Amino acid sequence: MSGGEVAGILVAVFWAILVSFLAVALARLAQTLKATTKLVADVTDQAVPLLADASTAVRSAQTQLERVDAIASDVQEVTSNASALSSTVASTFGGPLVKVAAFGYGVRRALGGRDEATPAKTPRRAVIVGRTVPATRRGKRKKG
């Protein structure tokens, strides 16, 4: 055997080994493509119903939001009507009620027979955090 024949045999063996490796790689690639195709088909089968359910949920949420918006606008209208009513009542009855209260106070004072020179004794009060506390409670608080 000459050197050319040996080189030819070596090239043929390496070529056979290379083709074998390529055949194995292509077989594994085909299996991977089959598994990927099956996975995509399964995901598609499951995703379509999920998308339909999501669409239904979004429509339901939109309906509920429209109802809440209608309720909020009704509440706003009721609030404005109540505000207008309270201002009307205050302006209508406020002035006369203050006059009646002042008249009642004057009558009580006149009928009470108080002497204008001696003012009535009023208990001392202390202010604690925005509240008025009678003097008796304040004294108990200091002792305790």
N, C-alpha and C. Protein backbone atom coordinates (compact mmCIF):
# COMPACT_ATOMS: atom_id res chain seq x y z
N MET A 1 0.80 -1.16 0.00
CA MET A 1 0.00 0.00 0.00
C MET A 1 0.86 1.25 0.00
N SER A 2 0.47 2.09 -0.83
CA SER A 2 1.26 3.30 -0.96
C SER A 2 0.71 4.38 -0.02
N GLY A 3 1.40 5.48 0.09
CA GLY A 3 1.00 6.58 0.98
C GLY A 3 -0.31 7.20 0.55
N GLY A 4 -0.56 7.25 -0.75
CA GLY A 4 -1.81 7.82 -1.26
C GLY A 4 -3.00 6.97 -0.87
N GLU A 5 -2.79 5.63 -0.94
CA GLU A 5 -3.88 4.74 -0.56
C GLU A 5 -4.19 4.86 0.93
N VAL A 6 -3.16 4.94 1.76
CA VAL A 6 -3.35 5.07 3.21
C VAL A 6 -4.07 6.40 3.51
N ALA A 7 -3.65 7.45 2.83
CA ALA A 7 -4.30 8.75 3.04
C ALA A 7 -5.75 8.68 2.60
N GLY A 8 -6.04 8.01 1.53
CA GLY A 8 -7.42 7.86 1.04
C GLY A 8 -8.27 7.10 2.04
N ILE A 9 -7.69 6.02 2.61
CA ILE A 9 -8.43 5.24 3.60
C ILE A 9 -8.71 6.09 4.85
N LEU A 10 -7.69 6.84 5.28
CA LEU A 10 -7.88 7.70 6.45
C LEU A 10 -8.96 8.76 6.19
N VAL A 11 -8.92 9.35 5.02
CA VAL A 11 -9.94 10.35 4.68
C VAL A 11 -11.32 9.70 4.64
N ALA A 12 -11.42 8.49 4.10
CA ALA A 12 -12.71 7.80 4.02
C ALA A 12 -13.22 7.48 5.43
N VAL A 13 -12.33 7.05 6.36
CA VAL A 13 -12.74 6.72 7.72
C VAL A 13 -13.20 8.00 8.45
N PHE A 14 -12.40 9.05 8.33
CA PHE A 14 -12.82 10.31 8.97
C PHE A 14 -14.14 10.82 8.40
N TRP A 15 -14.28 10.66 7.10
CA TRP A 15 -15.53 11.08 6.45
C TRP A 15 -16.70 10.27 6.99
N ALA A 16 -16.53 8.98 7.18
CA ALA A 16 -17.59 8.11 7.70
C ALA A 16 -17.94 8.52 9.14
N ILE A 17 -16.91 8.81 9.94
CA ILE A 17 -17.14 9.23 11.32
C ILE A 17 -17.90 10.57 11.35
N LEU A 18 -17.49 11.49 10.50
CA LEU A 18 -18.15 12.79 10.42
C LEU A 18 -19.61 12.65 10.01
N VAL A 19 -19.87 11.84 9.04
CA VAL A 19 -21.24 11.62 8.58
C VAL A 19 -22.06 10.98 9.69
N SER A 20 -21.46 10.05 10.45
CA SER A 20 -22.16 9.41 11.56
C SER A 20 -22.54 10.44 12.63
N PHE A 21 -21.59 11.31 13.00
CA PHE A 21 -21.89 12.36 13.98
C PHE A 21 -22.98 13.31 13.48
N LEU A 22 -22.91 13.67 12.20
CA LEU A 22 -23.93 14.54 11.64
C LEU A 22 -25.30 13.86 11.63
N ALA A 23 -25.34 12.56 11.35
CA ALA A 23 -26.60 11.82 11.34
C ALA A 23 -27.21 11.80 12.75
N VAL A 24 -26.37 11.57 13.77
CA VAL A 24 -26.86 11.55 15.16
C VAL A 24 -27.37 12.94 15.55
N ALA A 25 -26.62 13.98 15.18
CA ALA A 25 -27.03 15.34 15.51
C ALA A 25 -28.35 15.69 14.82
N LEU A 26 -28.52 15.30 13.57
CA LEU A 26 -29.78 15.56 12.85
C LEU A 26 -30.94 14.78 13.47
N ALA A 27 -30.69 13.56 13.93
CA ALA A 27 -31.74 12.77 14.57
C ALA A 27 -32.20 13.46 15.87
N ARG A 28 -31.22 13.91 16.66
CA ARG A 28 -31.58 14.61 17.91
C ARG A 28 -32.30 15.93 17.62
N LEU A 29 -31.86 16.64 16.59
CA LEU A 29 -32.52 17.89 16.20
C LEU A 29 -33.96 17.62 15.76
N ALA A 30 -34.19 16.53 15.07
CA ALA A 30 -35.55 16.18 14.65
C ALA A 30 -36.42 15.89 15.87
N GLN A 31 -35.88 15.17 16.87
CA GLN A 31 -36.64 14.90 18.10
C GLN A 31 -36.97 16.20 18.83
N THR A 32 -36.00 17.11 18.89
CA THR A 32 -36.22 18.39 19.56
C THR A 32 -37.30 19.19 18.84
N LEU A 33 -37.27 19.20 17.51
CA LEU A 33 -38.29 19.91 16.74
C LEU A 33 -39.67 19.30 16.94
N LYS A 34 -39.76 17.97 17.02
CA LYS A 34 -41.04 17.31 17.27
C LYS A 34 -41.58 17.70 18.66
N ALA A 35 -40.70 17.69 19.67
CA ALA A 35 -41.13 18.06 21.03
C ALA A 35 -41.56 19.53 21.07
N THR A 36 -40.84 20.39 20.38
CA THR A 36 -41.19 21.80 20.35
C THR A 36 -42.53 22.02 19.67
N THR A 37 -42.75 21.33 18.58
CA THR A 37 -44.02 21.43 17.86
C THR A 37 -45.18 20.98 18.75
N LYS A 38 -44.98 19.87 19.48
CA LYS A 38 -46.03 19.38 20.39
C LYS A 38 -46.28 20.39 21.51
N LEU A 39 -45.21 20.97 22.06
CA LEU A 39 -45.35 21.95 23.13
C LEU A 39 -46.11 23.19 22.65
N VAL A 40 -45.78 23.68 21.48
CA VAL A 40 -46.47 24.85 20.92
C VAL A 40 -47.95 24.54 20.69
N ALA A 41 -48.24 23.36 20.21
CA ALA A 41 -49.64 22.97 19.98
C ALA A 41 -50.40 22.90 21.31
N ASP A 42 -49.78 22.33 22.34
CA ASP A 42 -50.44 22.26 23.65
C ASP A 42 -50.67 23.66 24.24
N VAL A 43 -49.68 24.52 24.12
CA VAL A 43 -49.83 25.88 24.64
C VAL A 43 -50.94 26.61 23.89
N THR A 44 -51.01 26.42 22.58
CA THR A 44 -52.05 27.06 21.79
C THR A 44 -53.43 26.55 22.22
N ASP A 45 -53.55 25.24 22.44
CA ASP A 45 -54.83 24.67 22.86
C ASP A 45 -55.28 25.21 24.22
N GLN A 46 -54.33 25.47 25.11
CA GLN A 46 -54.68 25.98 26.44
C GLN A 46 -54.83 27.50 26.44
N ALA A 47 -54.13 28.20 25.58
CA ALA A 47 -54.14 29.66 25.60
C ALA A 47 -55.44 30.22 25.03
N VAL A 48 -56.02 29.57 24.05
CA VAL A 48 -57.24 30.09 23.43
C VAL A 48 -58.39 30.18 24.44
N PRO A 49 -58.67 29.14 25.23
CA PRO A 49 -59.73 29.28 26.24
C PRO A 49 -59.38 30.32 27.32
N LEU A 50 -58.10 30.39 27.69
CA LEU A 50 -57.70 31.38 28.69
C LEU A 50 -57.92 32.80 28.17
N LEU A 51 -57.62 33.03 26.92
CA LEU A 51 -57.85 34.35 26.33
C LEU A 51 -59.34 34.67 26.28
N ALA A 52 -60.16 33.68 26.00
CA ALA A 52 -61.61 33.89 25.99
C ALA A 52 -62.10 34.24 27.40
N ASP A 53 -61.60 33.53 28.42
CA ASP A 53 -61.99 33.83 29.80
C ASP A 53 -61.52 35.23 30.21
N ALA A 54 -60.31 35.59 29.80
CA ALA A 54 -59.80 36.92 30.14
C ALA A 54 -60.64 38.00 29.47
N SER A 55 -61.04 37.77 28.25
CA SER A 55 -61.89 38.74 27.54
C SER A 55 -63.23 38.90 28.25
N THR A 56 -63.80 37.80 28.71
CA THR A 56 -65.07 37.85 29.45
C THR A 56 -64.89 38.61 30.76
N ALA A 57 -63.78 38.38 31.45
CA ALA A 57 -63.53 39.07 32.71
C ALA A 57 -63.36 40.57 32.49
N VAL A 58 -62.70 40.95 31.42
CA VAL A 58 -62.51 42.37 31.11
C VAL A 58 -63.85 43.02 30.79
N ARG A 59 -64.70 42.34 30.05
CA ARG A 59 -66.02 42.88 29.74
C ARG A 59 -66.84 43.06 31.02
N SER A 60 -66.78 42.08 31.90
CA SER A 60 -67.51 42.16 33.18
C SER A 60 -66.99 43.32 34.02
N ALA A 61 -65.68 43.48 34.06
CA ALA A 61 -65.10 44.59 34.83
C ALA A 61 -65.53 45.93 34.24
N GLN A 62 -65.59 46.01 32.93
CA GLN A 62 -66.02 47.25 32.28
C GLN A 62 -67.47 47.57 32.65
N THR A 63 -68.33 46.56 32.68
CA THR A 63 -69.73 46.75 33.06
C THR A 63 -69.83 47.25 34.50
N GLN A 64 -69.05 46.62 35.39
CA GLN A 64 -69.07 47.03 36.80
C GLN A 64 -68.55 48.46 36.96
N LEU A 65 -67.52 48.82 36.22
CA LEU A 65 -66.99 50.18 36.29
C LEU A 65 -68.03 51.20 35.81
N GLU A 66 -68.79 50.86 34.78
CA GLU A 66 -69.84 51.75 34.32
C GLU A 66 -70.91 51.93 35.39
N ARG A 67 -71.25 50.84 36.09
CA ARG A 67 -72.24 50.94 37.17
C ARG A 67 -71.71 51.79 38.31
N VAL A 68 -70.46 51.60 38.68
CA VAL A 68 -69.86 52.39 39.75
C VAL A 68 -69.82 53.87 39.36
N ASP A 69 -69.52 54.14 38.10
CA ASP A 69 -69.48 55.53 37.64
C ASP A 69 -70.87 56.17 37.75
N ALA A 70 -71.90 55.42 37.38
CA ALA A 70 -73.26 55.93 37.50
C ALA A 70 -73.63 56.19 38.96
N ILE A 71 -73.24 55.29 39.84
CA ILE A 71 -73.52 55.46 41.26
C ILE A 71 -72.78 56.68 41.80
N ALA A 72 -71.52 56.84 41.40
CA ALA A 72 -70.74 57.99 41.88
C ALA A 72 -71.33 59.30 41.41
N SER A 73 -71.81 59.35 40.19
CA SER A 73 -72.43 60.60 39.71
C SER A 73 -73.74 60.87 40.46
N ASP A 74 -74.50 59.82 40.78
CA ASP A 74 -75.72 60.00 41.56
C ASP A 74 -75.40 60.51 42.97
N VAL A 75 -74.36 59.95 43.57
CA VAL A 75 -73.95 60.40 44.91
C VAL A 75 -73.50 61.85 44.87
N GLN A 76 -72.80 62.23 43.82
CA GLN A 76 -72.35 63.61 43.69
C GLN A 76 -73.56 64.55 43.58
N GLU A 77 -74.56 64.15 42.82
CA GLU A 77 -75.76 64.97 42.68
C GLU A 77 -76.50 65.09 44.01
N VAL A 78 -76.61 63.97 44.74
CA VAL A 78 -77.28 64.00 46.05
C VAL A 78 -76.51 64.90 47.02
N THR A 79 -75.19 64.83 46.97
CA THR A 79 -74.37 65.66 47.86
C THR A 79 -74.56 67.13 47.56
N SER A 80 -74.60 67.48 46.29
CA SER A 80 -74.80 68.89 45.95
C SER A 80 -76.20 69.35 46.35
N ASN A 81 -77.19 68.49 46.18
CA ASN A 81 -78.56 68.84 46.60
C ASN A 81 -78.64 69.01 48.12
N ALA A 82 -77.97 68.13 48.87
CA ALA A 82 -77.98 68.23 50.33
C ALA A 82 -77.27 69.50 50.77
N SER A 83 -76.19 69.87 50.10
CA SER A 83 -75.48 71.10 50.43
C SER A 83 -76.37 72.31 50.18
N ALA A 84 -77.04 72.30 49.05
CA ALA A 84 -77.93 73.42 48.74
C ALA A 84 -79.08 73.49 49.75
N LEU A 85 -79.62 72.34 50.14
CA LEU A 85 -80.70 72.30 51.11
C LEU A 85 -80.24 72.81 52.47
N SER A 86 -79.06 72.40 52.91
CA SER A 86 -78.58 72.84 54.22
C SER A 86 -78.30 74.34 54.23
N SER A 87 -77.77 74.86 53.14
CA SER A 87 -77.54 76.32 53.10
C SER A 87 -78.87 77.07 53.06
N THR A 88 -79.87 76.52 52.39
CA THR A 88 -81.20 77.14 52.36
C THR A 88 -81.83 77.13 53.75
N VAL A 89 -81.75 75.99 54.42
CA VAL A 89 -82.31 75.88 55.77
C VAL A 89 -81.58 76.82 56.72
N ALA A 90 -80.27 76.88 56.61
CA ALA A 90 -79.49 77.75 57.50
C ALA A 90 -79.85 79.21 57.28
N SER A 91 -79.99 79.60 56.03
CA SER A 91 -80.31 81.01 55.77
C SER A 91 -81.76 81.33 56.14
N THR A 92 -82.66 80.35 56.01
CA THR A 92 -84.07 80.58 56.31
C THR A 92 -84.33 80.60 57.81
N PHE A 93 -83.83 79.61 58.52
CA PHE A 93 -84.14 79.48 59.94
C PHE A 93 -83.05 80.01 60.85
N GLY A 94 -81.85 80.19 60.34
CA GLY A 94 -80.73 80.61 61.18
C GLY A 94 -80.94 81.95 61.83
N GLY A 95 -81.28 82.95 61.08
CA GLY A 95 -81.48 84.29 61.63
C GLY A 95 -82.60 84.34 62.65
N PRO A 96 -83.79 83.84 62.33
CA PRO A 96 -84.88 83.87 63.31
C PRO A 96 -84.57 83.04 64.56
N LEU A 97 -83.90 81.92 64.43
CA LEU A 97 -83.59 81.10 65.60
C LEU A 97 -82.62 81.83 66.53
N VAL A 98 -81.66 82.54 65.96
CA VAL A 98 -80.73 83.30 66.78
C VAL A 98 -81.49 84.39 67.53
N LYS A 99 -82.41 85.03 66.86
CA LYS A 99 -83.19 86.08 67.52
C LYS A 99 -84.06 85.51 68.63
N VAL A 100 -84.68 84.36 68.40
CA VAL A 100 -85.50 83.72 69.43
C VAL A 100 -84.63 83.32 70.61
N ALA A 101 -83.46 82.78 70.35
CA ALA A 101 -82.57 82.38 71.44
C ALA A 101 -82.12 83.59 72.24
N ALA A 102 -81.80 84.67 71.57
CA ALA A 102 -81.40 85.89 72.27
C ALA A 102 -82.55 86.43 73.09
N PHE A 103 -83.76 86.40 72.54
CA PHE A 103 -84.93 86.86 73.28
C PHE A 103 -85.15 86.00 74.51
N GLY A 104 -85.04 84.69 74.35
CA GLY A 104 -85.21 83.76 75.48
C GLY A 104 -84.17 84.01 76.56
N TYR A 105 -82.96 84.28 76.18
CA TYR A 105 -81.91 84.58 77.14
C TYR A 105 -82.23 85.86 77.89
N GLY A 106 -82.69 86.87 77.17
CA GLY A 106 -83.05 88.13 77.82
C GLY A 106 -84.20 87.96 78.79
N VAL A 107 -85.19 87.16 78.41
CA VAL A 107 -86.33 86.91 79.29
C VAL A 107 -85.88 86.17 80.54
N ARG A 108 -85.06 85.15 80.39
CA ARG A 108 -84.57 84.40 81.55
C ARG A 108 -83.78 85.30 82.48
N ARG A 109 -82.96 86.12 81.91
CA ARG A 109 -82.13 87.03 82.71
C ARG A 109 -83.01 88.05 83.43
N ALA A 110 -84.03 88.53 82.74
CA ALA A 110 -84.92 89.52 83.35
C ALA A 110 -85.74 88.88 84.46
N LEU A 111 -86.22 87.67 84.24
CA LEU A 111 -87.05 87.00 85.24
C LEU A 111 -86.21 86.40 86.36
N GLY A 112 -84.98 86.20 86.13
CA GLY A 112 -84.11 85.60 87.14
C GLY A 112 -83.82 86.55 88.27
N GLY A 113 -83.95 87.83 88.07
CA GLY A 113 -83.74 88.82 89.12
C GLY A 113 -82.28 88.96 89.51
N ARG A 114 -81.43 88.73 88.65
CA ARG A 114 -80.02 88.88 88.98
C ARG A 114 -79.68 90.35 89.12
N ASP A 115 -78.75 90.59 90.00
CA ASP A 115 -78.26 91.94 90.18
C ASP A 115 -77.13 92.14 89.18
N GLU A 116 -77.22 93.17 88.40
CA GLU A 116 -76.20 93.43 87.37
C GLU A 116 -74.85 93.75 87.98
N ALA A 117 -74.81 94.25 89.24
CA ALA A 117 -73.54 94.63 89.86
C ALA A 117 -72.75 93.40 90.27
N THR A 118 -73.40 92.31 90.63
CA THR A 118 -72.68 91.10 91.03
C THR A 118 -72.79 90.08 89.91
N PRO A 119 -71.72 89.87 89.25
CA PRO A 119 -71.77 88.87 88.17
C PRO A 119 -71.89 87.46 88.75
N ALA A 120 -72.44 86.60 87.99
CA ALA A 120 -72.60 85.21 88.42
C ALA A 120 -71.23 84.55 88.49
N LYS A 121 -71.08 83.67 89.49
CA LYS A 121 -69.80 82.99 89.66
C LYS A 121 -69.73 81.86 88.62
N THR A 122 -68.71 81.94 87.81
CA THR A 122 -68.53 80.90 86.79
C THR A 122 -67.34 80.05 87.18
N PRO A 123 -67.47 78.77 87.05
CA PRO A 123 -66.34 77.90 87.40
C PRO A 123 -65.18 78.13 86.43
N ARG A 124 -63.98 78.00 86.96
CA ARG A 124 -62.81 78.14 86.12
C ARG A 124 -62.67 76.89 85.26
N ARG A 125 -62.19 77.08 84.06
CA ARG A 125 -62.05 75.96 83.14
C ARG A 125 -60.63 75.94 82.59
N ALA A 126 -60.17 74.76 82.31
CA ALA A 126 -58.84 74.61 81.71
C ALA A 126 -59.01 73.98 80.34
N VAL A 127 -58.19 74.35 79.42
CA VAL A 127 -58.25 73.80 78.08
C VAL A 127 -57.15 72.76 77.94
N ILE A 128 -57.55 71.53 77.62
CA ILE A 128 -56.60 70.44 77.43
C ILE A 128 -56.85 69.84 76.07
N VAL A 129 -55.90 69.90 75.19
CA VAL A 129 -55.95 69.33 73.85
C VAL A 129 -57.24 69.72 73.15
N GLY A 130 -57.55 70.99 73.17
CA GLY A 130 -58.68 71.47 72.41
C GLY A 130 -60.01 71.24 73.09
N ARG A 131 -60.04 70.75 74.34
CA ARG A 131 -61.30 70.52 75.04
C ARG A 131 -61.35 71.37 76.29
N THR A 132 -62.53 71.79 76.69
CA THR A 132 -62.70 72.56 77.92
C THR A 132 -63.07 71.59 79.03
N VAL A 133 -62.31 71.64 80.15
CA VAL A 133 -62.53 70.74 81.27
C VAL A 133 -62.95 71.58 82.46
N PRO A 134 -64.02 71.24 83.19
CA PRO A 134 -64.43 72.01 84.37
C PRO A 134 -63.32 72.02 85.42
N ALA A 135 -63.37 73.03 86.30
CA ALA A 135 -62.33 73.20 87.31
C ALA A 135 -62.27 72.01 88.25
N THR A 136 -63.40 71.36 88.53
CA THR A 136 -63.39 70.24 89.47
C THR A 136 -62.60 69.07 88.91
N ARG A 137 -62.74 68.80 87.67
CA ARG A 137 -61.96 67.70 87.07
C ARG A 137 -60.49 68.04 87.02
N ARG A 138 -60.18 69.31 86.75
CA ARG A 138 -58.78 69.72 86.66
C ARG A 138 -58.12 69.54 88.02
N GLY A 139 -58.83 69.87 89.09
CA GLY A 139 -58.27 69.73 90.43
C GLY A 139 -58.02 68.27 90.77
N LYS A 140 -58.94 67.41 90.39
CA LYS A 140 -58.76 65.98 90.65
C LYS A 140 -57.59 65.44 89.86
N ARG A 141 -57.40 65.93 88.69
CA ARG A 141 -56.31 65.45 87.84
C ARG A 141 -54.96 65.80 88.46
N LYS A 142 -54.82 67.00 89.06
CA LYS A 142 -53.55 67.40 89.67
C LYS A 142 -53.24 66.53 90.88
N LYS A 143 -54.25 66.18 91.66
CA LYS A 143 -54.03 65.40 92.87
C LYS A 143 -53.67 63.97 92.54
N GLY A 144 -54.27 63.42 91.47
CA GLY A 144 -54.08 62.02 91.13
C GLY A 144 -52.81 61.79 90.48
